[in-house]
PDB file of N, CA and C in Angstrom:
ATOM      1  N   MET A   1       0.531  -1.193   0.167  1.00  0.00           N
ATOM      2  CA  MET A   1       0.017  -0.043  -0.212  1.00  0.00           C
ATOM      3  C   MET A   1       1.057   1.129   0.013  1.00  0.00           C
ATOM      4  N   GLU A   2       0.655   2.173  -0.875  1.00  0.00           N
ATOM      5  CA  GLU A   2       1.521   3.176  -0.979  1.00  0.00           C
ATOM      6  C   GLU A   2       0.935   4.400  -1.174  1.00  0.00           C
ATOM      7  N   TYR A   3       1.431   5.497  -0.275  1.00  0.00           N
ATOM      8  CA  TYR A   3       0.661   6.816  -0.279  1.00  0.00           C
ATOM      9  C   TYR A   3       1.485   7.700  -0.104  1.00  0.00           C
ATOM     10  N   GLU A   4       0.966   9.183  -0.441  1.00  0.00           N
ATOM     11  CA  GLU A   4       1.686  10.395  -0.043  1.00  0.00           C
ATOM     12  C   GLU A   4       0.534  11.472   0.227  1.00  0.00           C
ATOM     13  N   PHE A   5       1.618  12.130   0.983  1.00  0.00           N
ATOM     14  CA  PHE A   5       0.559  13.350   1.638  1.00  0.00           C
ATOM     15  C   PHE A   5       1.405  14.842   0.778  1.00  0.00           C
ATOM     16  N   LEU A   6       0.063  15.535   0.349  1.00  0.00           N
ATOM     17  CA  LEU A   6       0.127  16.820  -0.212  1.00  0.00           C
ATOM     18  C   LEU A   6      -0.574  17.683   0.476  1.00  0.00           C
ATOM     19  N   ARG A   7       0.129  18.963   0.383  1.00  0.00           N
ATOM     20  CA  ARG A   7      -0.796  20.378   0.787  1.00  0.00           C
ATOM     21  C   ARG A   7      -1.258  20.889  -0.324  1.00  0.00           C
ATOM     22  N   ASP A   8      -2.874  21.042  -0.306  1.00  0.00           N
ATOM     23  CA  ASP A   8      -3.412  21.944  -1.231  1.00  0.00           C
ATOM     24  C   ASP A   8      -3.158  23.398  -1.278  1.00  0.00           C
ATOM     25  N   ILE A   9      -3.892  24.350  -2.003  1.00  0.00           N
ATOM     26  CA  ILE A   9      -3.590  25.866  -2.153  1.00  0.00           C
ATOM     27  C   ILE A   9      -3.857  26.306  -0.872  1.00  0.00           C
ATOM     28  N   THR A  10      -4.532  25.684   0.069  1.00  0.00           N
ATOM     29  CA  THR A  10      -5.021  26.645   1.295  1.00  0.00           C
ATOM     30  C   THR A  10      -4.160  26.089   2.350  1.00  0.00           C
ATOM     31  N   GLY A  11      -3.381  24.992   1.840  1.00  0.00           N
ATOM     32  CA  GLY A  11      -2.106  24.715   3.460  1.00  0.00           C
ATOM     33  C   GLY A  11      -2.922  23.325   4.107  1.00  0.00           C
ATOM     34  N   GLY A  12      -4.306  22.973   3.852  1.00  0.00           N
ATOM     35  CA  GLY A  12      -4.758  21.621   4.149  1.00  0.00           C
ATOM     36  C   GLY A  12      -4.012  20.616   3.547  1.00  0.00           C
ATOM     37  N   VAL A  13      -3.770  19.561   4.464  1.00  0.00           N
ATOM     38  CA  VAL A  13      -3.516  18.119   3.799  1.00  0.00           C
ATOM     39  C   VAL A  13      -4.275  17.174   2.729  1.00  0.00           C
ATOM     40  N   LYS A  14      -3.853  16.914   2.099  1.00  0.00           N
ATOM     41  CA  LYS A  14      -4.714  15.696   1.360  1.00  0.00           C
ATOM     42  C   LYS A  14      -3.399  14.376   1.308  1.00  0.00           C
ATOM     43  N   VAL A  15      -4.317  13.377   1.235  1.00  0.00           N
ATOM     44  CA  VAL A  15      -3.525  11.816   0.985  1.00  0.00           C
ATOM     45  C   VAL A  15      -4.157  11.328  -0.264  1.00  0.00           C
ATOM     46  N   ARG A  16      -3.379  10.706  -0.615  1.00  0.00           N
ATOM     47  CA  ARG A  16      -3.533  10.088  -1.840  1.00  0.00           C
ATOM     48  C   ARG A  16      -2.731   8.753  -1.689  1.00  0.00           C
ATOM     49  N   MET A  17      -3.636   7.558  -2.056  1.00  0.00           N
ATOM     50  CA  MET A  17      -3.542   6.301  -1.732  1.00  0.00           C
ATOM     51  C   MET A  17      -3.364   5.326  -2.993  1.00  0.00           C
ATOM     52  N   SER A  18      -2.494   4.356  -3.337  1.00  0.00           N
ATOM     53  CA  SER A  18      -2.438   3.649  -4.149  1.00  0.00           C
ATOM     54  C   SER A  18      -3.959   2.973  -4.755  1.00  0.00           C
ATOM     55  N   MET A  19      -3.964   2.522  -5.876  1.00  0.00           N
ATOM     56  CA  MET A  19      -5.162   1.840  -6.424  1.00  0.00           C
ATOM     57  C   MET A  19      -5.434   0.605  -5.464  1.00  0.00           C
ATOM     58  N   GLY A  20      -6.901   0.697  -5.177  1.00  0.00           N
ATOM     59  CA  GLY A  20      -7.376  -0.075  -4.445  1.00  0.00           C
ATOM     60  C   GLY A  20      -7.406  -0.014  -2.960  1.00  0.00           C
ATOM     61  N   HIS A  21      -6.921   1.186  -2.588  1.00  0.00           N
ATOM     62  CA  HIS A  21      -6.808   1.836  -1.066  1.00  0.00           C
ATOM     63  C   HIS A  21      -7.365   3.109  -1.127  1.00  0.00           C
ATOM     64  N   GLU A  22      -8.017   3.350  -2.160  1.00  0.00           N
ATOM     65  CA  GLU A  22      -8.461   5.035  -2.483  1.00  0.00           C
ATOM     66  C   GLU A  22      -9.202   5.540  -1.579  1.00  0.00           C
ATOM     67  N   ALA A  23     -10.078   4.348  -1.016  1.00  0.00           N
ATOM     68  CA  ALA A  23     -10.867   4.773  -0.109  1.00  0.00           C
ATOM     69  C   ALA A  23     -10.575   5.371   1.560  1.00  0.00           C
ATOM     70  N   ILE A  24      -9.170   4.618   1.457  1.00  0.00           N
ATOM     71  CA  ILE A  24      -8.317   5.014   2.853  1.00  0.00           C
ATOM     72  C   ILE A  24      -8.270   6.354   2.943  1.00  0.00           C
ATOM     73  N   GLY A  25      -7.312   6.822   1.638  1.00  0.00           N
ATOM     74  CA  GLY A  25      -7.069   8.229   1.374  1.00  0.00           C
ATOM     75  C   GLY A  25      -8.697   8.970   1.640  1.00  0.00           C
ATOM     76  N   HIS A  26      -9.544   8.571   0.990  1.00  0.00           N
ATOM     77  CA  HIS A  26     -10.767   9.492   1.085  1.00  0.00           C
ATOM     78  C   HIS A  26     -11.359   9.793   2.508  1.00  0.00           C
ATOM     79  N   TRP A  27     -11.118   8.437   3.206  1.00  0.00           N
ATOM     80  CA  TRP A  27     -11.424   8.636   4.880  1.00  0.00           C
ATOM     81  C   TRP A  27     -10.681   9.651   5.429  1.00  0.00           C
ATOM     82  N   PHE A  28      -9.295   9.616   5.516  1.00  0.00           N
ATOM     83  CA  PHE A  28      -8.344  10.548   5.805  1.00  0.00           C
ATOM     84  C   PHE A  28      -8.791  12.077   5.289  1.00  0.00           C
ATOM     85  N   ASN A  29      -8.955  12.281   4.269  1.00  0.00           N
ATOM     86  CA  ASN A  29      -9.446  13.579   3.663  1.00  0.00           C
ATOM     87  C   ASN A  29     -10.682  13.920   4.219  1.00  0.00           C
ATOM     88  N   ASP A  30     -11.584  13.180   4.188  1.00  0.00           N
ATOM     89  CA  ASP A  30     -12.954  13.948   4.203  1.00  0.00           C
ATOM     90  C   ASP A  30     -13.531  13.756   6.004  1.00  0.00           C
ATOM     91  N   GLU A  31     -13.085  12.642   6.636  1.00  0.00           N
ATOM     92  CA  GLU A  31     -13.269  12.395   7.855  1.00  0.00           C
ATOM     93  C   GLU A  31     -12.094  12.560   9.201  1.00  0.00           C
ATOM     94  N   ALA A  32     -11.220  12.109   8.590  1.00  0.00           N
ATOM     95  CA  ALA A  32     -10.062  12.524   9.867  1.00  0.00           C
ATOM     96  C   ALA A  32      -9.884  13.980   9.464  1.00  0.00           C
ATOM     97  N   ASN A  33      -9.473  14.575   8.448  1.00  0.00           N
ATOM     98  CA  ASN A  33      -9.235  15.668   8.120  1.00  0.00           C
ATOM     99  C   ASN A  33      -8.515  16.607   9.261  1.00  0.00           C
ATOM    100  N   GLU A  34      -7.175  16.120   9.267  1.00  0.00           N
ATOM    101  CA  GLU A  34      -6.100  16.675  10.469  1.00  0.00           C
ATOM    102  C   GLU A  34      -7.080  16.733  11.940  1.00  0.00           C
ATOM    103  N   ASN A  35      -7.668  16.081  11.943  1.00  0.00           N
ATOM    104  CA  ASN A  35      -8.580  15.670  13.395  1.00  0.00           C
ATOM    105  C   ASN A  35      -7.700  14.671  14.469  1.00  0.00           C
ATOM    106  N   LEU A  36      -6.734  15.080  15.092  1.00  0.00           N
ATOM    107  CA  LEU A  36      -5.957  14.318  15.681  1.00  0.00           C
ATOM    108  C   LEU A  36      -6.830  13.413  16.968  1.00  0.00           C
ATOM    109  N   THR A  37      -7.667  13.990  17.295  1.00  0.00           N
ATOM    110  CA  THR A  37      -8.684  13.230  18.377  1.00  0.00           C
ATOM    111  C   THR A  37      -9.289  12.317  17.753  1.00  0.00           C
ATOM    112  N   LEU A  38      -9.687  12.274  16.488  1.00  0.00           N
ATOM    113  CA  LEU A  38     -10.125  11.081  15.835  1.00  0.00           C
ATOM    114  C   LEU A  38      -9.130   9.963  15.970  1.00  0.00           C
ATOM    115  N   LEU A  39      -8.079  10.296  15.257  1.00  0.00           N
ATOM    116  CA  LEU A  39      -6.927   9.223  14.876  1.00  0.00           C
ATOM    117  C   LEU A  39      -6.735   8.728  16.307  1.00  0.00           C
ATOM    118  N   ASP A  40      -6.380   9.535  17.638  1.00  0.00           N
ATOM    119  CA  ASP A  40      -6.517   8.931  18.981  1.00  0.00           C
ATOM    120  C   ASP A  40      -7.539   7.899  19.397  1.00  0.00           C
ATOM    121  N   GLU A  41      -8.669   8.222  18.872  1.00  0.00           N
ATOM    122  CA  GLU A  41      -9.796   6.929  18.940  1.00  0.00           C
ATOM    123  C   GLU A  41      -9.419   5.885  18.548  1.00  0.00           C
ATOM    124  N   VAL A  42      -9.228   5.786  17.356  1.00  0.00           N
ATOM    125  CA  VAL A  42      -8.633   4.955  16.169  1.00  0.00           C
ATOM    126  C   VAL A  42      -7.775   3.888  17.048  1.00  0.00           C
ATOM    127  N   GLU A  43      -6.333   4.791  17.411  1.00  0.00           N
ATOM    128  CA  GLU A  43      -5.463   3.777  17.749  1.00  0.00           C
ATOM    129  C   GLU A  43      -5.836   3.256  19.194  1.00  0.00           C
ATOM    130  N   ALA A  44      -6.604   3.990  19.794  1.00  0.00           N
ATOM    131  CA  ALA A  44      -7.055   3.321  21.180  1.00  0.00           C
ATOM    132  C   ALA A  44      -7.948   2.007  20.850  1.00  0.00           C
ATOM    133  N   ALA A  45      -8.992   2.308  19.907  1.00  0.00           N
ATOM    134  CA  ALA A  45      -9.746   1.220  19.706  1.00  0.00           C
ATOM    135  C   ALA A  45      -8.784  -0.058  19.113  1.00  0.00           C
ATOM    136  N   VAL A  46      -7.791   0.169  18.449  1.00  0.00           N
ATOM    137  CA  VAL A  46      -7.086  -0.871  17.979  1.00  0.00           C
ATOM    138  C   VAL A  46      -6.561  -1.487  19.025  1.00  0.00           C
ATOM    139  N   ALA A  47      -5.929  -1.084  19.809  1.00  0.00           N
ATOM    140  CA  ALA A  47      -5.608  -1.509  21.331  1.00  0.00           C
ATOM    141  C   ALA A  47      -6.738  -2.229  22.108  1.00  0.00           C
ATOM    142  N   GLU A  48      -7.692  -1.938  21.924  1.00  0.00           N
ATOM    143  CA  GLU A  48      -9.295  -2.233  22.492  1.00  0.00           C
ATOM    144  C   GLU A  48      -9.376  -3.587  22.297  1.00  0.00           C
ATOM    145  N   VAL A  49      -9.247  -3.798  20.725  1.00  0.00           N
ATOM    146  CA  VAL A  49      -9.913  -5.038  20.236  1.00  0.00           C
ATOM    147  C   VAL A  49      -8.990  -6.092  20.250  1.00  0.00           C
ATOM    148  N   LYS A  50      -7.500  -5.740  20.803  1.00  0.00           N
ATOM    149  CA  LYS A  50      -6.392  -6.447  20.131  1.00  0.00           C
ATOM    150  C   LYS A  50      -6.571  -7.986  21.150  1.00  0.00           C
ATOM    151  N   GLY A  51      -6.339  -8.966  20.587  1.00  0.00           N
ATOM    152  CA  GLY A  51      -6.365 -10.230  21.352  1.00  0.00           C
ATOM    153  C   GLY A  51      -7.777 -10.717  21.428  1.00  0.00           C
ATOM    154  N   SER A  52      -8.926 -10.053  20.765  1.00  0.00           N
ATOM    155  CA  SER A  52     -10.198 -10.558  20.972  1.00  0.00           C
ATOM    156  C   SER A  52     -10.884 -10.635  19.809  1.00  0.00           C
ATOM    157  N   ILE A  53     -12.427 -11.143  19.608  1.00  0.00           N
ATOM    158  CA  ILE A  53     -12.969 -11.069  18.213  1.00  0.00           C
ATOM    159  C   ILE A  53     -13.670 -10.018  18.067  1.00  0.00           C
ATOM    160  N   ARG A  54     -13.754  -8.953  19.243  1.00  0.00           N
ATOM    161  CA  ARG A  54     -14.523  -7.708  19.035  1.00  0.00           C
ATOM    162  C   ARG A  54     -14.208  -7.061  17.659  1.00  0.00           C
ATOM    163  N   GLN A  55     -15.352  -6.014  17.305  1.00  0.00           N
ATOM    164  CA  GLN A  55     -14.728  -5.065  16.417  1.00  0.00           C
ATOM    165  C   GLN A  55     -15.171  -3.761  16.931  1.00  0.00           C
ATOM    166  N   TRP A  56     -14.685  -2.527  16.137  1.00  0.00           N
ATOM    167  CA  TRP A  56     -14.761  -1.203  16.407  1.00  0.00           C
ATOM    168  C   TRP A  56     -15.426  -0.579  15.273  1.00  0.00           C
ATOM    169  N   GLN A  57     -16.294   0.216  15.355  1.00  0.00           N
ATOM    170  CA  GLN A  57     -16.703   0.910  14.330  1.00  0.00           C
ATOM    171  C   GLN A  57     -16.848   2.511  14.202  1.00  0.00           C
ATOM    172  N   ASN A  58     -16.565   3.526  13.339  1.00  0.00           N
ATOM    173  CA  ASN A  58     -16.531   4.955  13.352  1.00  0.00           C
ATOM    174  C   ASN A  58     -17.162   5.206  12.197  1.00  0.00           C
ATOM    175  N   VAL A  59     -18.685   5.748  12.516  1.00  0.00           N
ATOM    176  CA  VAL A  59     -19.426   5.849  11.315  1.00  0.00           C
ATOM    177  C   VAL A  59     -19.386   7.494  10.905  1.00  0.00           C
ATOM    178  N   GLY A  60     -18.504   7.717   9.910  1.00  0.00           N
ATOM    179  CA  GLY A  60     -18.431   9.079   9.355  1.00  0.00           C
ATOM    180  C   GLY A  60     -19.366   9.787   8.853  1.00  0.00           C
ATOM    181  N   ARG A  61     -19.399  11.209   8.249  1.00  0.00           N
ATOM    182  CA  ARG A  61     -20.287  11.699   7.369  1.00  0.00           C
ATOM    183  C   ARG A  61     -20.395  11.227   6.099  1.00  0.00           C
ATOM    184  N   GLU A  62     -19.093  10.722   5.623  1.00  0.00           N
ATOM    185  CA  GLU A  62     -19.179   9.965   4.109  1.00  0.00           C
ATOM    186  C   GLU A  62     -18.628   8.523   4.234  1.00  0.00           C
ATOM    187  N   TYR A  63     -17.875   8.287   5.099  1.00  0.00           N
ATOM    188  CA  TYR A  63     -17.000   6.756   5.519  1.00  0.00           C
ATOM    189  C   TYR A  63     -17.047   6.423   6.351  1.00  0.00           C
ATOM    190  N   THR A  64     -17.320   4.759   6.727  1.00  0.00           N
ATOM    191  CA  THR A  64     -17.335   4.150   8.024  1.00  0.00           C
ATOM    192  C   THR A  64     -16.077   3.316   7.922  1.00  0.00           C
ATOM    193  N   LEU A  65     -15.631   3.282   9.428  1.00  0.00           N
ATOM    194  CA  LEU A  65     -14.470   2.788   9.562  1.00  0.00           C
ATOM    195  C   LEU A  65     -14.546   1.854  10.091  1.00  0.00           C
ATOM    196  N   LEU A  66     -14.594   0.466  10.093  1.00  0.00           N
ATOM    197  CA  LEU A  66     -14.814  -0.675  10.765  1.00  0.00           C
ATOM    198  C   LEU A  66     -13.419  -1.503  11.012  1.00  0.00           C
ATOM    199  N   LEU A  67     -13.007  -2.032  12.269  1.00  0.00           N
ATOM    200  CA  LEU A  67     -11.609  -2.717  12.342  1.00  0.00           C
ATOM    201  C   LEU A  67     -11.931  -4.022  13.226  1.00  0.00           C
ATOM    202  N   ASP A  68     -10.881  -4.730  13.347  1.00  0.00           N
ATOM    203  CA  ASP A  68     -11.128  -6.005  14.038  1.00  0.00           C
ATOM    204  C   ASP A  68      -9.575  -5.819  14.645  1.00  0.00           C
ATOM    205  N   GLU A  69      -9.356  -7.141  14.979  1.00  0.00           N
ATOM    206  CA  GLU A  69      -7.881  -7.669  15.613  1.00  0.00           C
ATOM    207  C   GLU A  69      -6.642  -7.199  14.415  1.00  0.00           C
ATOM    208  N   GLU A  70      -7.094  -7.665  13.242  1.00  0.00           N
ATOM    209  CA  GLU A  70      -6.248  -7.536  12.052  1.00  0.00           C
ATOM    210  C   GLU A  70      -6.503  -7.036  10.533  1.00  0.00           C
ATOM    211  N   GLU A  71      -7.699  -6.379  10.640  1.00  0.00           N
ATOM    212  CA  GLU A  71      -7.915  -5.906   9.543  1.00  0.00           C
ATOM    213  C   GLU A  71      -8.684  -4.604   9.542  1.00  0.00           C
ATOM    214  N   VAL A  72      -8.528  -3.313   8.703  1.00  0.00           N
ATOM    215  CA  VAL A  72      -9.282  -2.542   8.469  1.00  0.00           C
ATOM    216  C   VAL A  72      -9.977  -2.280   7.429  1.00  0.00           C
ATOM    217  N   MET A  73     -11.346  -2.007   7.460  1.00  0.00           N
ATOM    218  CA  MET A  73     -12.361  -1.801   6.154  1.00  0.00           C
ATOM    219  C   MET A  73     -12.722  -0.288   6.388  1.00  0.00           C
ATOM    220  N   ILE A  74     -12.472   0.261   5.113  1.00  0.00           N
ATOM    221  CA  ILE A  74     -13.314   1.400   5.059  1.00  0.00           C
ATOM    222  C   ILE A  74     -14.452   1.583   3.998  1.00  0.00           C
ATOM    223  N   ARG A  75     -15.313   1.930   4.251  1.00  0.00           N
ATOM    224  CA  ARG A  75     -16.506   1.843   3.144  1.00  0.00           C
ATOM    225  C   ARG A  75     -17.103   3.156   2.990  1.00  0.00           C
ATOM    226  N   ALA A  76     -17.180   3.488   1.906  1.00  0.00           N
ATOM    227  CA  ALA A  76     -18.085   4.520   1.679  1.00  0.00           C
ATOM    228  C   ALA A  76     -19.610   4.304   2.143  1.00  0.00           C
ATOM    229  N   ASN A  77     -20.225   5.609   2.822  1.00  0.00           N
ATOM    230  CA  ASN A  77     -21.566   5.269   3.248  1.00  0.00           C
ATOM    231  C   ASN A  77     -22.874   4.870   2.632  1.00  0.00           C
ATOM    232  N   GLN A  78     -22.403   5.368   1.323  1.00  0.00           N
ATOM    233  CA  GLN A  78     -23.375   5.273   0.275  1.00  0.00           C
ATOM    234  C   GLN A  78     -23.717   3.892  -0.028  1.00  0.00           C
ATOM    235  N   LEU A  79     -22.373   2.489   0.115  1.00  0.00           N
ATOM    236  CA  LEU A  79     -22.725   1.347  -0.292  1.00  0.00           C
ATOM    237  C   LEU A  79     -23.693   0.759   1.099  1.00  0.00           C
ATOM    238  N   SER A  80     -23.714   1.513   1.984  1.00  0.00           N
ATOM    239  CA  SER A  80     -25.139   0.648   2.827  1.00  0.00           C
ATOM    240  C   SER A  80     -26.132   0.902   2.381  1.00  0.00           C
ATOM    241  N   ILE A  81     -26.265  -0.592   1.281  1.00  0.00           N
ATOM    242  CA  ILE A  81     -27.501  -0.836   0.744  1.00  0.00           C
ATOM    243  C   ILE A  81     -28.210  -1.837   0.975  1.00  0.00           C
ATOM    244  N   GLU A  82     -29.384  -2.065   1.449  1.00  0.00           N
ATOM    245  CA  GLU A  82     -30.168  -3.290   1.605  1.00  0.00           C
ATOM    246  C   GLU A  82     -30.164  -4.302   0.584  1.00  0.00           C
ATOM    247  N   GLY A  83     -29.859  -5.763   0.807  1.00  0.00           N
ATOM    248  CA  GLY A  83     -29.886  -6.485  -0.238  1.00  0.00           C
ATOM    249  C   GLY A  83     -30.660  -6.485  -1.333  1.00  0.00           C
ATOM    250  N   ASP A  84     -32.095  -6.190  -1.108  1.00  0.00           N
ATOM    251  CA  ASP A  84     -33.439  -6.008  -2.188  1.00  0.00           C
ATOM    252  C   ASP A  84     -33.126  -4.752  -3.101  1.00  0.00           C
ATOM    253  N   GLU A  85     -32.354  -4.005  -2.839  1.00  0.00           N
ATOM    254  CA  GLU A  85     -32.033  -2.908  -3.446  1.00  0.00           C
ATOM    255  C   GLU A  85     -31.445  -2.647  -4.629  1.00  0.00           C
ATOM    256  N   MET A  86     -30.298  -4.059  -4.585  1.00  0.00           N
ATOM    257  CA  MET A  86     -29.337  -4.368  -5.472  1.00  0.00           C
ATOM    258  C   MET A  86     -30.094  -5.076  -6.804  1.00  0.00           C
ATOM    259  N   GLU A  87     -29.750  -4.675  -7.975  1.00  0.00           N
ATOM    260  CA  GLU A  87     -30.070  -5.401  -9.369  1.00  0.00           C
ATOM    261  C   GLU A  87     -29.016  -6.678  -9.392  1.00  0.00           C
ATOM    262  N   GLU A  88     -29.885  -7.878  -9.952  1.00  0.00           N
ATOM    263  CA  GLU A  88     -29.456  -9.122 -10.179  1.00  0.00           C
ATOM    264  C   GLU A  88     -27.754  -8.729 -11.066  1.00  0.00           C
ATOM    265  N   GLY A  89     -26.633  -9.278 -10.495  1.00  0.00           N
ATOM    266  CA  GLY A  89     -25.505  -9.357 -11.406  1.00  0.00           C
ATOM    267  C   GLY A  89     -24.580  -8.151 -10.733  1.00  0.00           C
ATOM    268  N   MET A  90     -25.200  -6.853  -9.823  1.00  0.00           N
ATOM    269  CA  MET A  90     -24.546  -5.868  -9.440  1.00  0.00           C
ATOM    270  C   MET A  90     -23.410  -6.424  -8.197  1.00  0.00           C
ATOM    271  N   SER A  91     -22.607  -5.497  -7.805  1.00  0.00           N
ATOM    272  CA  SER A  91     -21.607  -5.807  -6.733  1.00  0.00           C
ATOM    273  C   SER A  91     -21.567  -4.640  -6.030  1.00  0.00           C
ATOM    274  N   TYR A  92     -21.327  -4.845  -4.605  1.00  0.00           N
ATOM    275  CA  TYR A  92     -20.912  -3.825  -3.879  1.00  0.00           C
ATOM    276  C   TYR A  92     -19.973  -3.031  -3.897  1.00  0.00           C
ATOM    277  N   TYR A  93     -18.632  -3.955  -4.466  1.00  0.00           N
ATOM    278  CA  TYR A  93     -17.255  -3.160  -4.622  1.00  0.00           C
ATOM    279  C   TYR A  93     -17.264  -2.234  -5.602  1.00  0.00           C
ATOM    280  N   ASP A  94     -16.524  -1.169  -5.339  1.00  0.00           N
ATOM    281  CA  ASP A  94     -16.413  -0.170  -5.885  1.00  0.00           C
ATOM    282  C   ASP A  94     -14.848   0.357  -5.549  1.00  0.00           C
ATOM    283  N   GLU A  95     -13.748   0.476  -6.198  1.00  0.00           N
ATOM    284  CA  GLU A  95     -12.552   0.894  -5.911  1.00  0.00           C
ATOM    285  C   GLU A  95     -12.299   1.811  -4.960  1.00  0.00           C
ATOM    286  N   GLU A  96     -13.128   2.802  -5.249  1.00  0.00           N
ATOM    287  CA  GLU A  96     -12.827   4.169  -4.901  1.00  0.00           C
ATOM    288  C   GLU A  96     -13.771   4.473  -3.330  1.00  0.00           C
ATOM    289  N   SER A  97     -14.535   3.183  -3.042  1.00  0.00           N
ATOM    290  CA  SER A  97     -15.479   3.490  -2.263  1.00  0.00           C
ATOM    291  C   SER A  97     -15.481   2.211  -1.062  1.00  0.00           C
ATOM    292  N   LEU A  98     -14.527   1.426  -1.382  1.00  0.00           N
ATOM    293  CA  LEU A  98     -14.216   0.055  -0.594  1.00  0.00           C
ATOM    294  C   LEU A  98     -12.886  -0.324  -0.309  1.00  0.00           C
ATOM    295  N   SER A  99     -12.183  -0.105   0.991  1.00  0.00           N
ATOM    296  CA  SER A  99     -10.834  -0.402   1.163  1.00  0.00           C
ATOM    297  C   SER A  99     -10.601  -1.553   2.076  1.00  0.00           C
ATOM    298  N   PHE A 100      -9.915  -2.249   2.042  1.00  0.00           N
ATOM    299  CA  PHE A 100      -9.255  -3.168   3.288  1.00  0.00           C
ATOM    300  C   PHE A 100      -7.732  -2.833   3.434  1.00  0.00           C
ATOM    301  N   CYS A 101      -7.063  -3.134   4.425  1.00  0.00           N
ATOM    302  CA  CYS A 101      -5.739  -3.003   5.028  1.00  0.00           C
ATOM    303  C   CYS A 101      -5.509  -3.717   6.087  1.00  0.00           C
ATOM    304  N   GLY A 102      -4.522  -4.198   6.380  1.00  0.00           N
ATOM    305  CA  GLY A 102      -4.116  -4.642   7.729  1.00  0.00           C
ATOM    306  C   GLY A 102      -4.093  -3.649   8.814  1.00  0.00           C
ATOM    307  N   VAL A 103      -4.099  -3.901   9.866  1.00  0.00           N
ATOM    308  CA  VAL A 103      -3.916  -2.973  11.154  1.00  0.00           C
ATOM    309  C   VAL A 103      -2.647  -2.200  11.380  1.00  0.00           C
ATOM    310  N   GLU A 104      -1.893  -3.161  11.255  1.00  0.00           N
ATOM    311  CA  GLU A 104      -0.729  -2.483  11.211  1.00  0.00           C
ATOM    312  C   GLU A 104      -0.275  -1.496   9.981  1.00  0.00           C
ATOM    313  N   ASP A 105      -0.414  -2.085   8.940  1.00  0.00           N
ATOM    314  CA  ASP A 105      -0.254  -0.868   7.913  1.00  0.00           C
ATOM    315  C   ASP A 105      -1.069   0.312   7.858  1.00  0.00           C
ATOM    316  N   PHE A 106      -2.377   0.253   8.503  1.00  0.00           N
ATOM    317  CA  PHE A 106      -2.976   1.426   8.766  1.00  0.00           C
ATOM    318  C   PHE A 106      -2.315   2.391   9.853  1.00  0.00           C
ATOM    319  N   LEU A 107      -2.001   1.468  11.201  1.00  0.00           N
ATOM    320  CA  LEU A 107      -1.176   2.750  11.787  1.00  0.00           C
ATOM    321  C   LEU A 107      -0.075   3.144  11.461  1.00  0.00           C
ATOM    322  N   ALA A 108       0.487   2.482  10.390  1.00  0.00           N
ATOM    323  CA  ALA A 108       1.972   3.245   9.853  1.00  0.00           C
ATOM    324  C   ALA A 108       1.555   4.408   9.033  1.00  0.00           C
ATOM    325  N   VAL A 109       0.046   4.330   8.194  1.00  0.00           N
ATOM    326  CA  VAL A 109      -0.310   5.608   7.984  1.00  0.00           C
ATOM    327  C   VAL A 109      -0.677   6.660   8.866  1.00  0.00           C
ATOM    328  N   ILE A 110      -1.263   6.414  10.057  1.00  0.00           N
ATOM    329  CA  ILE A 110      -1.718   7.140  10.883  1.00  0.00           C
ATOM    330  C   ILE A 110      -0.463   7.828  11.177  1.00  0.00           C
ATOM    331  N   ALA A 111       0.399   7.336  11.534  1.00  0.00           N
ATOM    332  CA  ALA A 111       2.069   7.825  12.249  1.00  0.00           C
ATOM    333  C   ALA A 111       2.292   8.612  11.058  1.00  0.00           C
ATOM    334  N   ALA A 112       2.438   8.372   9.885  1.00  0.00           N
ATOM    335  CA  ALA A 112       3.019   9.159   8.940  1.00  0.00           C
ATOM    336  C   ALA A 112       2.559  10.328   8.480  1.00  0.00           C
ATOM    337  N   TYR A 113       1.043  10.221   8.923  1.00  0.00           N
ATOM    338  CA  TYR A 113       0.106  11.353   8.339  1.00  0.00           C
ATOM    339  C   TYR A 113       0.360  12.365   9.642  1.00  0.00           C
ATOM    340  N   ARG A 114       0.604  12.057  11.061  1.00  0.00           N
ATOM    341  CA  ARG A 114       0.811  12.767  12.212  1.00  0.00           C
ATOM    342  C   ARG A 114       2.248  13.470  11.771  1.00  0.00           C
ATOM    343  N   ARG A 115       3.278  12.825  11.685  1.00  0.00           N
ATOM    344  CA  ARG A 115       4.634  13.306  11.342  1.00  0.00           C
ATOM    345  C   ARG A 115       4.435  14.434  10.231  1.00  0.00           C
ATOM    346  N   PHE A 116       3.937  14.268   9.207  1.00  0.00           N
ATOM    347  CA  PHE A 116       3.411  15.381   8.170  1.00  0.00           C
ATOM    348  C   PHE A 116       2.810  16.471   8.359  1.00  0.00           C
ATOM    349  N   LEU A 117       2.003  15.956   9.391  1.00  0.00           N
ATOM    350  CA  LEU A 117       0.944  17.274   9.888  1.00  0.00           C
ATOM    351  C   LEU A 117       1.536  18.296  10.955  1.00  0.00           C
ATOM    352  N   GLN A 118       2.856  17.759  11.711  1.00  0.00           N
ATOM    353  CA  GLN A 118       3.552  18.364  12.507  1.00  0.00           C
ATOM    354  C   GLN A 118       4.713  19.159  11.799  1.00  0.00           C
ATOM    355  N   GLY A 119       5.085  18.651  10.590  1.00  0.00           N
ATOM    356  CA  GLY A 119       5.956  19.141   9.555  1.00  0.00           C
ATOM    357  C   GLY A 119       5.721  20.739   9.320  1.00  0.00           C
ATOM    358  N   ARG A 120       4.634  21.085   9.526  1.00  0.00           N
ATOM    359  CA  ARG A 120       4.250  22.349   8.961  1.00  0.00           C
ATOM    360  C   ARG A 120       5.553  23.531   9.236  1.00  0.00           C
TER     361      ARG A 120
END
């Protein structure tokens, strides 16, 4: 999973992720959006579910983050469609709306994001 951090014209931080992980970048841009308190909550949740079968979820305005001991899933809220609403042959997956990664990889991105923010 590759990523880069950029500054937009206003000085805000934007995260760009490699193919297949675009939703993770969108989560950082739309939900985390330099909110260190949310990142603290995610890191605390990782510690909370470690060694258990529990899951933790954060539903944001545009994206939902769901994690367990091993994996992080980020899904666009627009994908929360009940089964009867889907047409036959259609799939929930959309590369820019659903991404998975390992917990350790996600924590590494959070750490790099924090370092980038502090480098202002």
